[in-house]
PDB file of N, CA and C in Angstrom:
ATOM      1  N   MET A   1       8.742 -13.781 -11.722  1.00  0.00           N
ATOM      2  CA  MET A   1       7.705 -14.367 -10.925  1.00  0.00           C
ATOM      3  C   MET A   1       8.208 -15.701 -10.369  1.00  0.00           C
ATOM      4  N   LYS A   2       7.928 -15.936  -9.099  1.00  0.00           N
ATOM      5  CA  LYS A   2       8.322 -17.182  -8.444  1.00  0.00           C
ATOM      6  C   LYS A   2       7.157 -18.172  -8.536  1.00  0.00           C
ATOM      7  N   VAL A   3       7.463 -19.404  -8.915  1.00  0.00           N
ATOM      8  CA  VAL A   3       6.445 -20.444  -9.029  1.00  0.00           C
ATOM      9  C   VAL A   3       6.659 -21.446  -7.896  1.00  0.00           C
ATOM     10  N   THR A   4       5.636 -21.600  -7.060  1.00  0.00           N
ATOM     11  CA  THR A   4       5.697 -22.482  -5.906  1.00  0.00           C
ATOM     12  C   THR A   4       4.721 -23.630  -6.084  1.00  0.00           C
ATOM     13  N   GLY A   5       5.185 -24.846  -5.845  1.00  0.00           N
ATOM     14  CA  GLY A   5       4.309 -26.016  -5.798  1.00  0.00           C
ATOM     15  C   GLY A   5       4.013 -26.335  -4.348  1.00  0.00           C
ATOM     16  N   TYR A   6       2.879 -26.927  -4.087  1.00  0.00           N
ATOM     17  CA  TYR A   6       2.467 -27.242  -2.721  1.00  0.00           C
ATOM     18  C   TYR A   6       2.318 -28.744  -2.561  1.00  0.00           C
ATOM     19  N   ALA A   7       2.772 -29.273  -1.426  1.00  0.00           N
ATOM     20  CA  ALA A   7       2.703 -30.713  -1.199  1.00  0.00           C
ATOM     21  C   ALA A   7       2.504 -31.022   0.278  1.00  0.00           C
ATOM     22  N   TYR A   8       1.781 -32.092   0.516  1.00  0.00           N
ATOM     23  CA  TYR A   8       1.714 -32.654   1.856  1.00  0.00           C
ATOM     24  C   TYR A   8       2.965 -33.513   2.052  1.00  0.00           C
ATOM     25  N   PRO A   9       3.401 -33.691   3.287  1.00  0.00           N
ATOM     26  CA  PRO A   9       4.584 -34.532   3.512  1.00  0.00           C
ATOM     27  C   PRO A   9       4.432 -35.936   2.939  1.00  0.00           C
ATOM     28  N   TRP A  10       3.248 -36.515   3.053  1.00  0.00           N
ATOM     29  CA  TRP A  10       3.060 -37.886   2.566  1.00  0.00           C
ATOM     30  C   TRP A  10       3.192 -37.975   1.051  1.00  0.00           C
ATOM     31  N   ASN A  11       2.883 -36.898   0.327  1.00  0.00           N
ATOM     32  CA  ASN A  11       3.098 -36.909  -1.124  1.00  0.00           C
ATOM     33  C   ASN A  11       4.573 -37.112  -1.445  1.00  0.00           C
ATOM     34  N   VAL A  12       5.421 -36.408  -0.734  1.00  0.00           N
ATOM     35  CA  VAL A  12       6.853 -36.428  -1.011  1.00  0.00           C
ATOM     36  C   VAL A  12       7.504 -37.704  -0.482  1.00  0.00           C
ATOM     37  N   VAL A  13       7.226 -38.042   0.769  1.00  0.00           N
ATOM     38  CA  VAL A  13       7.925 -39.139   1.438  1.00  0.00           C
ATOM     39  C   VAL A  13       7.481 -40.511   0.932  1.00  0.00           C
ATOM     40  N   GLU A  14       6.208 -40.677   0.660  1.00  0.00           N
ATOM     41  CA  GLU A  14       5.694 -42.003   0.316  1.00  0.00           C
ATOM     42  C   GLU A  14       5.749 -42.316  -1.176  1.00  0.00           C
ATOM     43  N   GLU A  15       6.029 -41.337  -1.999  1.00  0.00           N
ATOM     44  CA  GLU A  15       6.058 -41.562  -3.444  1.00  0.00           C
ATOM     45  C   GLU A  15       7.484 -41.519  -3.977  1.00  0.00           C
ATOM     46  N   PRO A  16       8.042 -42.653  -4.340  1.00  0.00           N
ATOM     47  CA  PRO A  16       9.404 -42.650  -4.883  1.00  0.00           C
ATOM     48  C   PRO A  16       9.497 -41.749  -6.114  1.00  0.00           C
ATOM     49  N   GLY A  17      10.495 -40.891  -6.128  1.00  0.00           N
ATOM     50  CA  GLY A  17      10.718 -40.018  -7.270  1.00  0.00           C
ATOM     51  C   GLY A  17       9.871 -38.759  -7.298  1.00  0.00           C
ATOM     52  N   PHE A  18       9.036 -38.535  -6.282  1.00  0.00           N
ATOM     53  CA  PHE A  18       8.179 -37.352  -6.279  1.00  0.00           C
ATOM     54  C   PHE A  18       8.999 -36.067  -6.381  1.00  0.00           C
ATOM     55  N   ALA A  19      10.008 -35.938  -5.530  1.00  0.00           N
ATOM     56  CA  ALA A  19      10.804 -34.711  -5.510  1.00  0.00           C
ATOM     57  C   ALA A  19      11.515 -34.494  -6.840  1.00  0.00           C
ATOM     58  N   GLU A  20      12.032 -35.554  -7.419  1.00  0.00           N
ATOM     59  CA  GLU A  20      12.735 -35.432  -8.704  1.00  0.00           C
ATOM     60  C   GLU A  20      11.769 -35.038  -9.828  1.00  0.00           C
ATOM     61  N   ARG A  21      10.579 -35.643  -9.837  1.00  0.00           N
ATOM     62  CA  ARG A  21       9.579 -35.277 -10.850  1.00  0.00           C
ATOM     63  C   ARG A  21       9.148 -33.827 -10.687  1.00  0.00           C
ATOM     64  N   THR A  22       9.037 -33.389  -9.444  1.00  0.00           N
ATOM     65  CA  THR A  22       8.657 -32.005  -9.177  1.00  0.00           C
ATOM     66  C   THR A  22       9.732 -31.048  -9.668  1.00  0.00           C
ATOM     67  N   ALA A  23      10.995 -31.393  -9.460  1.00  0.00           N
ATOM     68  CA  ALA A  23      12.098 -30.544  -9.923  1.00  0.00           C
ATOM     69  C   ALA A  23      12.062 -30.389 -11.445  1.00  0.00           C
ATOM     70  N   GLU A  24      11.640 -31.429 -12.149  1.00  0.00           N
ATOM     71  CA  GLU A  24      11.576 -31.374 -13.616  1.00  0.00           C
ATOM     72  C   GLU A  24      10.477 -30.445 -14.128  1.00  0.00           C
ATOM     73  N   LEU A  25       9.540 -30.066 -13.280  1.00  0.00           N
ATOM     74  CA  LEU A  25       8.445 -29.181 -13.687  1.00  0.00           C
ATOM     75  C   LEU A  25       8.882 -27.726 -13.840  1.00  0.00           C
ATOM     76  N   GLY A  26      10.062 -27.393 -13.344  1.00  0.00           N
ATOM     77  CA  GLY A  26      10.542 -26.025 -13.442  1.00  0.00           C
ATOM     78  C   GLY A  26      10.070 -25.120 -12.321  1.00  0.00           C
ATOM     79  N   LEU A  27       9.654 -25.703 -11.198  1.00  0.00           N
ATOM     80  CA  LEU A  27       9.232 -24.895 -10.061  1.00  0.00           C
ATOM     81  C   LEU A  27      10.434 -24.204  -9.424  1.00  0.00           C
ATOM     82  N   ASP A  28      10.172 -23.094  -8.769  1.00  0.00           N
ATOM     83  CA  ASP A  28      11.228 -22.392  -8.040  1.00  0.00           C
ATOM     84  C   ASP A  28      11.384 -22.910  -6.615  1.00  0.00           C
ATOM     85  N   GLU A  29      10.303 -23.449  -6.050  1.00  0.00           N
ATOM     86  CA  GLU A  29      10.336 -23.984  -4.698  1.00  0.00           C
ATOM     87  C   GLU A  29       9.119 -24.874  -4.482  1.00  0.00           C
ATOM     88  N   VAL A  30       9.179 -25.663  -3.415  1.00  0.00           N
ATOM     89  CA  VAL A  30       8.044 -26.493  -3.011  1.00  0.00           C
ATOM     90  C   VAL A  30       7.706 -26.145  -1.563  1.00  0.00           C
ATOM     91  N   ALA A  31       6.460 -25.785  -1.315  1.00  0.00           N
ATOM     92  CA  ALA A  31       5.995 -25.520   0.042  1.00  0.00           C
ATOM     93  C   ALA A  31       5.436 -26.817   0.610  1.00  0.00           C
ATOM     94  N   VAL A  32       6.023 -27.287   1.687  1.00  0.00           N
ATOM     95  CA  VAL A  32       5.610 -28.530   2.341  1.00  0.00           C
ATOM     96  C   VAL A  32       4.791 -28.171   3.573  1.00  0.00           C
ATOM     97  N   ALA A  33       3.647 -28.808   3.733  1.00  0.00           N
ATOM     98  CA  ALA A  33       2.796 -28.555   4.902  1.00  0.00           C
ATOM     99  C   ALA A  33       3.494 -29.078   6.158  1.00  0.00           C
ATOM    100  N   VAL A  34       3.823 -28.171   7.057  1.00  0.00           N
ATOM    101  CA  VAL A  34       4.455 -28.547   8.317  1.00  0.00           C
ATOM    102  C   VAL A  34       3.387 -28.736   9.394  1.00  0.00           C
ATOM    103  N   SER A  35       2.301 -28.014   9.275  1.00  0.00           N
ATOM    104  CA  SER A  35       1.116 -28.216  10.106  1.00  0.00           C
ATOM    105  C   SER A  35      -0.083 -27.991   9.196  1.00  0.00           C
ATOM    106  N   TYR A  36      -1.169 -28.666   9.520  1.00  0.00           N
ATOM    107  CA  TYR A  36      -2.331 -28.546   8.643  1.00  0.00           C
ATOM    108  C   TYR A  36      -3.582 -28.956   9.400  1.00  0.00           C
ATOM    109  N   HIS A  37      -4.700 -28.420   8.986  1.00  0.00           N
ATOM    110  CA  HIS A  37      -5.986 -28.764   9.586  1.00  0.00           C
ATOM    111  C   HIS A  37      -6.438 -30.140   9.088  1.00  0.00           C
ATOM    112  N   SER A  38      -7.526 -30.615   9.614  1.00  0.00           N
ATOM    113  CA  SER A  38      -8.046 -31.901   9.149  1.00  0.00           C
ATOM    114  C   SER A  38      -8.442 -31.778   7.676  1.00  0.00           C
ATOM    115  N   THR A  39      -8.320 -32.883   6.971  1.00  0.00           N
ATOM    116  CA  THR A  39      -8.639 -32.870   5.548  1.00  0.00           C
ATOM    117  C   THR A  39      -8.842 -34.289   5.043  1.00  0.00           C
ATOM    118  N   ARG A  40      -9.488 -34.404   3.936  1.00  0.00           N
ATOM    119  CA  ARG A  40      -9.508 -35.652   3.168  1.00  0.00           C
ATOM    120  C   ARG A  40      -8.875 -35.272   1.846  1.00  0.00           C
ATOM    121  N   ALA A  41      -7.638 -35.693   1.661  1.00  0.00           N
ATOM    122  CA  ALA A  41      -6.834 -35.260   0.524  1.00  0.00           C
ATOM    123  C   ALA A  41      -6.701 -36.377  -0.500  1.00  0.00           C
ATOM    124  N   ALA A  42      -7.030 -36.078  -1.748  1.00  0.00           N
ATOM    125  CA  ALA A  42      -6.849 -37.043  -2.830  1.00  0.00           C
ATOM    126  C   ALA A  42      -5.356 -37.215  -3.104  1.00  0.00           C
ATOM    127  N   THR A  43      -4.958 -38.405  -3.457  1.00  0.00           N
ATOM    128  CA  THR A  43      -3.560 -38.695  -3.789  1.00  0.00           C
ATOM    129  C   THR A  43      -3.525 -39.378  -5.163  1.00  0.00           C
ATOM    130  N   PRO A  44      -3.805 -38.618  -6.215  1.00  0.00           N
ATOM    131  CA  PRO A  44      -3.950 -39.227  -7.545  1.00  0.00           C
ATOM    132  C   PRO A  44      -2.694 -39.889  -8.092  1.00  0.00           C
ATOM    133  N   TRP A  45      -1.519 -39.497  -7.617  1.00  0.00           N
ATOM    134  CA  TRP A  45      -0.279 -40.088  -8.130  1.00  0.00           C
ATOM    135  C   TRP A  45       0.224 -41.227  -7.260  1.00  0.00           C
ATOM    136  N   SER A  46      -0.459 -41.503  -6.163  1.00  0.00           N
ATOM    137  CA  SER A  46       0.001 -42.535  -5.236  1.00  0.00           C
ATOM    138  C   SER A  46      -0.191 -43.930  -5.805  1.00  0.00           C
ATOM    139  N   ARG A  47       0.791 -44.758  -5.561  1.00  0.00           N
ATOM    140  CA  ARG A  47       0.689 -46.169  -5.935  1.00  0.00           C
ATOM    141  C   ARG A  47       0.116 -46.993  -4.785  1.00  0.00           C
ATOM    142  N   VAL A  48      -0.054 -46.347  -3.616  1.00  0.00           N
ATOM    143  CA  VAL A  48      -0.441 -47.057  -2.413  1.00  0.00           C
ATOM    144  C   VAL A  48      -1.894 -46.794  -2.005  1.00  0.00           C
ATOM    145  N   ARG A  49      -2.338 -45.522  -2.110  1.00  0.00           N
ATOM    146  CA  ARG A  49      -3.684 -45.184  -1.644  1.00  0.00           C
ATOM    147  C   ARG A  49      -4.287 -44.076  -2.495  1.00  0.00           C
ATOM    148  N   THR A  50      -5.590 -43.975  -2.467  1.00  0.00           N
ATOM    149  CA  THR A  50      -6.284 -42.976  -3.284  1.00  0.00           C
ATOM    150  C   THR A  50      -6.552 -41.685  -2.538  1.00  0.00           C
ATOM    151  N   ALA A  51      -6.511 -41.743  -1.200  1.00  0.00           N
ATOM    152  CA  ALA A  51      -6.778 -40.549  -0.391  1.00  0.00           C
ATOM    153  C   ALA A  51      -6.145 -40.714   0.983  1.00  0.00           C
ATOM    154  N   VAL A  52      -5.935 -39.585   1.634  1.00  0.00           N
ATOM    155  CA  VAL A  52      -5.471 -39.567   3.016  1.00  0.00           C
ATOM    156  C   VAL A  52      -6.538 -38.864   3.835  1.00  0.00           C
ATOM    157  N   SER A  53      -6.973 -39.496   4.907  1.00  0.00           N
ATOM    158  CA  SER A  53      -7.929 -38.881   5.817  1.00  0.00           C
ATOM    159  C   SER A  53      -7.177 -38.414   7.060  1.00  0.00           C
ATOM    160  N   ALA A  54      -6.929 -37.124   7.118  1.00  0.00           N
ATOM    161  CA  ALA A  54      -6.301 -36.523   8.291  1.00  0.00           C
ATOM    162  C   ALA A  54      -7.440 -36.142   9.229  1.00  0.00           C
ATOM    163  N   HIS A  55      -7.636 -36.917  10.276  1.00  0.00           N
ATOM    164  CA  HIS A  55      -8.814 -36.807  11.135  1.00  0.00           C
ATOM    165  C   HIS A  55      -8.835 -35.560  12.008  1.00  0.00           C
ATOM    166  N   HIS A  56      -7.678 -34.958  12.221  1.00  0.00           N
ATOM    167  CA  HIS A  56      -7.588 -33.773  13.070  1.00  0.00           C
ATOM    168  C   HIS A  56      -6.373 -32.951  12.634  1.00  0.00           C
ATOM    169  N   ALA A  57      -6.314 -31.729  13.109  1.00  0.00           N
ATOM    170  CA  ALA A  57      -5.145 -30.888  12.834  1.00  0.00           C
ATOM    171  C   ALA A  57      -3.907 -31.552  13.427  1.00  0.00           C
ATOM    172  N   ALA A  58      -2.766 -31.325  12.786  1.00  0.00           N
ATOM    173  CA  ALA A  58      -1.548 -31.991  13.260  1.00  0.00           C
ATOM    174  C   ALA A  58      -0.306 -31.204  12.876  1.00  0.00           C
ATOM    175  N   LEU A  59       0.764 -31.451  13.619  1.00  0.00           N
ATOM    176  CA  LEU A  59       2.095 -30.999  13.251  1.00  0.00           C
ATOM    177  C   LEU A  59       2.803 -32.174  12.599  1.00  0.00           C
ATOM    178  N   TYR A  60       3.528 -31.916  11.537  1.00  0.00           N
ATOM    179  CA  TYR A  60       4.282 -32.969  10.863  1.00  0.00           C
ATOM    180  C   TYR A  60       5.770 -32.856  11.168  1.00  0.00           C
ATOM    181  N   ARG A  61       6.072 -32.262  12.302  1.00  0.00           N
ATOM    182  CA  ARG A  61       7.406 -32.171  12.885  1.00  0.00           C
ATOM    183  C   ARG A  61       7.287 -32.711  14.305  1.00  0.00           C
ATOM    184  N   PRO A  62       8.385 -33.131  14.915  1.00  0.00           N
ATOM    185  CA  PRO A  62       8.289 -33.637  16.291  1.00  0.00           C
ATOM    186  C   PRO A  62       7.719 -32.579  17.243  1.00  0.00           C
ATOM    187  N   VAL A  63       6.855 -33.010  18.129  1.00  0.00           N
ATOM    188  CA  VAL A  63       6.265 -32.135  19.139  1.00  0.00           C
ATOM    189  C   VAL A  63       7.184 -32.149  20.349  1.00  0.00           C
ATOM    190  N   ARG A  64       7.685 -30.980  20.697  1.00  0.00           N
ATOM    191  CA  ARG A  64       8.606 -30.891  21.828  1.00  0.00           C
ATOM    192  C   ARG A  64       7.825 -30.821  23.141  1.00  0.00           C
ATOM    193  N   ASP A  65       8.119 -31.751  24.051  1.00  0.00           N
ATOM    194  CA  ASP A  65       7.501 -31.694  25.388  1.00  0.00           C
ATOM    195  C   ASP A  65       7.900 -30.371  26.021  1.00  0.00           C
ATOM    196  N   GLY A  66       7.344 -29.904  27.000  1.00  0.00           N
ATOM    197  CA  GLY A  66       7.760 -28.682  27.663  1.00  0.00           C
ATOM    198  C   GLY A  66       7.368 -27.413  26.916  1.00  0.00           C
ATOM    199  N   VAL A  67       7.135 -27.494  25.624  1.00  0.00           N
ATOM    200  CA  VAL A  67       6.701 -26.314  24.871  1.00  0.00           C
ATOM    201  C   VAL A  67       5.181 -26.233  24.885  1.00  0.00           C
ATOM    202  N   TRP A  68       4.548 -27.387  24.799  1.00  0.00           N
ATOM    203  CA  TRP A  68       3.099 -27.422  24.653  1.00  0.00           C
ATOM    204  C   TRP A  68       2.348 -27.577  25.967  1.00  0.00           C
ATOM    205  N   GLY A  69       2.917 -28.243  26.942  1.00  0.00           N
ATOM    206  CA  GLY A  69       2.187 -28.465  28.182  1.00  0.00           C
ATOM    207  C   GLY A  69       1.045 -29.439  27.966  1.00  0.00           C
ATOM    208  N   ARG A  70      -0.102 -29.180  28.614  1.00  0.00           N
ATOM    209  CA  ARG A  70      -1.240 -30.107  28.516  1.00  0.00           C
ATOM    210  C   ARG A  70      -1.977 -29.988  27.197  1.00  0.00           C
ATOM    211  N   LEU A  71      -2.027 -28.800  26.630  1.00  0.00           N
ATOM    212  CA  LEU A  71      -2.699 -28.591  25.350  1.00  0.00           C
ATOM    213  C   LEU A  71      -1.672 -28.819  24.251  1.00  0.00           C
ATOM    214  N   ARG A  72      -1.816 -29.908  23.508  1.00  0.00           N
ATOM    215  CA  ARG A  72      -0.823 -30.261  22.500  1.00  0.00           C
ATOM    216  C   ARG A  72      -1.514 -30.863  21.283  1.00  0.00           C
ATOM    217  N   PRO A  73      -0.873 -30.786  20.143  1.00  0.00           N
ATOM    218  CA  PRO A  73      -1.485 -31.362  18.943  1.00  0.00           C
ATOM    219  C   PRO A  73      -1.574 -32.883  19.033  1.00  0.00           C
ATOM    220  N   GLY A  74      -2.589 -33.433  18.404  1.00  0.00           N
ATOM    221  CA  GLY A  74      -2.740 -34.883  18.360  1.00  0.00           C
ATOM    222  C   GLY A  74      -1.687 -35.503  17.453  1.00  0.00           C
ATOM    223  N   VAL A  75      -1.396 -36.763  17.680  1.00  0.00           N
ATOM    224  CA  VAL A  75      -0.407 -37.489  16.883  1.00  0.00           C
ATOM    225  C   VAL A  75      -1.070 -37.943  15.581  1.00  0.00           C
ATOM    226  N   PRO A  76      -0.504 -37.585  14.432  1.00  0.00           N
ATOM    227  CA  PRO A  76      -1.098 -38.004  13.159  1.00  0.00           C
ATOM    228  C   PRO A  76      -0.785 -39.468  12.860  1.00  0.00           C
ATOM    229  N   ASP A  77      -1.812 -40.302  12.843  1.00  0.00           N
ATOM    230  CA  ASP A  77      -1.588 -41.723  12.580  1.00  0.00           C
ATOM    231  C   ASP A  77      -1.643 -42.054  11.082  1.00  0.00           C
ATOM    232  N   TRP A  78      -1.803 -41.050  10.250  1.00  0.00           N
ATOM    233  CA  TRP A  78      -1.868 -41.264   8.798  1.00  0.00           C
ATOM    234  C   TRP A  78      -0.527 -41.029   8.102  1.00  0.00           C
ATOM    235  N   VAL A  79       0.522 -40.727   8.877  1.00  0.00           N
ATOM    236  CA  VAL A  79       1.884 -40.625   8.339  1.00  0.00           C
ATOM    237  C   VAL A  79       2.767 -41.623   9.076  1.00  0.00           C
ATOM    238  N   ARG A  80       3.855 -41.998   8.455  1.00  0.00           N
ATOM    239  CA  ARG A  80       4.715 -43.048   9.011  1.00  0.00           C
ATOM    240  C   ARG A  80       5.731 -42.546  10.026  1.00  0.00           C
ATOM    241  N   SER A  81       5.978 -41.235  10.043  1.00  0.00           N
ATOM    242  CA  SER A  81       7.071 -40.698  10.845  1.00  0.00           C
ATOM    243  C   SER A  81       6.598 -39.486  11.640  1.00  0.00           C
ATOM    244  N   SER A  82       7.191 -39.279  12.801  1.00  0.00           N
ATOM    245  CA  SER A  82       6.866 -38.081  13.581  1.00  0.00           C
ATOM    246  C   SER A  82       7.519 -36.839  12.983  1.00  0.00           C
ATOM    247  N   ASP A  83       8.397 -37.023  11.995  1.00  0.00           N
ATOM    248  CA  ASP A  83       9.039 -35.894  11.318  1.00  0.00           C
ATOM    249  C   ASP A  83       8.887 -36.019   9.797  1.00  0.00           C
ATOM    250  N   SER A  84       7.667 -36.317   9.367  1.00  0.00           N
ATOM    251  CA  SER A  84       7.449 -36.490   7.931  1.00  0.00           C
ATOM    252  C   SER A  84       7.707 -35.195   7.157  1.00  0.00           C
ATOM    253  N   ALA A  85       7.443 -34.037   7.757  1.00  0.00           N
ATOM    254  CA  ALA A  85       7.736 -32.772   7.064  1.00  0.00           C
ATOM    255  C   ALA A  85       9.238 -32.579   6.914  1.00  0.00           C
ATOM    256  N   GLY A  86      10.005 -32.897   7.944  1.00  0.00           N
ATOM    257  CA  GLY A  86      11.462 -32.787   7.853  1.00  0.00           C
ATOM    258  C   GLY A  86      12.026 -33.703   6.787  1.00  0.00           C
ATOM    259  N   GLU A  87      11.497 -34.922   6.712  1.00  0.00           N
ATOM    260  CA  GLU A  87      11.939 -35.864   5.690  1.00  0.00           C
ATOM    261  C   GLU A  87      11.570 -35.370   4.290  1.00  0.00           C
ATOM    262  N   ALA A  88      10.375 -34.800   4.150  1.00  0.00           N
ATOM    263  CA  ALA A  88       9.935 -34.286   2.857  1.00  0.00           C
ATOM    264  C   ALA A  88      10.791 -33.101   2.420  1.00  0.00           C
ATOM    265  N   ILE A  89      11.082 -32.203   3.350  1.00  0.00           N
ATOM    266  CA  ILE A  89      11.916 -31.038   3.036  1.00  0.00           C
ATOM    267  C   ILE A  89      13.309 -31.487   2.601  1.00  0.00           C
ATOM    268  N   ALA A  90      13.871 -32.464   3.295  1.00  0.00           N
ATOM    269  CA  ALA A  90      15.194 -32.980   2.922  1.00  0.00           C
ATOM    270  C   ALA A  90      15.169 -33.589   1.521  1.00  0.00           C
ATOM    271  N   ALA A  91      14.114 -34.328   1.192  1.00  0.00           N
ATOM    272  CA  ALA A  91      14.004 -34.940  -0.137  1.00  0.00           C
ATOM    273  C   ALA A  91      13.893 -33.882  -1.229  1.00  0.00           C
ATOM    274  N   VAL A  92      13.115 -32.841  -0.978  1.00  0.00           N
ATOM    275  CA  VAL A  92      12.972 -31.756  -1.949  1.00  0.00           C
ATOM    276  C   VAL A  92      14.314 -31.052  -2.150  1.00  0.00           C
ATOM    277  N   ASN A  93      15.023 -30.809  -1.067  1.00  0.00           N
ATOM    278  CA  ASN A  93      16.345 -30.177  -1.153  1.00  0.00           C
ATOM    279  C   ASN A  93      17.335 -31.035  -1.923  1.00  0.00           C
ATOM    280  N   ARG A  94      17.313 -32.352  -1.686  1.00  0.00           N
ATOM    281  CA  ARG A  94      18.210 -33.256  -2.416  1.00  0.00           C
ATOM    282  C   ARG A  94      17.934 -33.224  -3.919  1.00  0.00           C
ATOM    283  N   ALA A  95      16.672 -32.955  -4.296  1.00  0.00           N
ATOM    284  CA  ALA A  95      16.317 -32.879  -5.717  1.00  0.00           C
ATOM    285  C   ALA A  95      16.708 -31.535  -6.337  1.00  0.00           C
ATOM    286  N   GLY A  96      17.288 -30.642  -5.513  1.00  0.00           N
ATOM    287  CA  GLY A  96      17.771 -29.372  -6.027  1.00  0.00           C
ATOM    288  C   GLY A  96      16.795 -28.219  -5.922  1.00  0.00           C
ATOM    289  N   LEU A  97      15.728 -28.385  -5.158  1.00  0.00           N
ATOM    290  CA  LEU A  97      14.746 -27.314  -4.980  1.00  0.00           C
ATOM    291  C   LEU A  97      14.749 -26.824  -3.546  1.00  0.00           C
ATOM    292  N   PRO A  98      14.596 -25.527  -3.341  1.00  0.00           N
ATOM    293  CA  PRO A  98      14.408 -25.056  -1.975  1.00  0.00           C
ATOM    294  C   PRO A  98      13.003 -25.406  -1.495  1.00  0.00           C
ATOM    295  N   ALA A  99      12.860 -25.573  -0.201  1.00  0.00           N
ATOM    296  CA  ALA A  99      11.564 -25.877   0.382  1.00  0.00           C
ATOM    297  C   ALA A  99      11.093 -24.710   1.239  1.00  0.00           C
ATOM    298  N   ALA A 100       9.832 -24.426   1.135  1.00  0.00           N
ATOM    299  CA  ALA A 100       9.176 -23.445   2.004  1.00  0.00           C
ATOM    300  C   ALA A 100       8.224 -24.243   2.888  1.00  0.00           C
ATOM    301  N   ALA A 101       7.704 -23.599   3.908  1.00  0.00           N
ATOM    302  CA  ALA A 101       6.768 -24.297   4.790  1.00  0.00           C
ATOM    303  C   ALA A 101       5.525 -23.457   4.977  1.00  0.00           C
TER     304      ALA A 101
END
């Protein structure tokens, strides 16, 4: 049986040691949200904030011009980077776990 943990990009990127602590749990992989609907997500392990309010659906990867045209996802102002999912996936991989999306 494969055991998958789930994480928002901000869980991984903003919390020092998150990926390493996750690897110690014995998971087989970590699924990182690359796109997600609006949510108010609790962040119980965060040293910075208690919750994240994602006001609208968003992509956590760079939005390519020319692909979306006029209808495009809104920019998430609750993450620090336009590629927070890419950064989170890289951190999970560095900790020795494969990442799913």
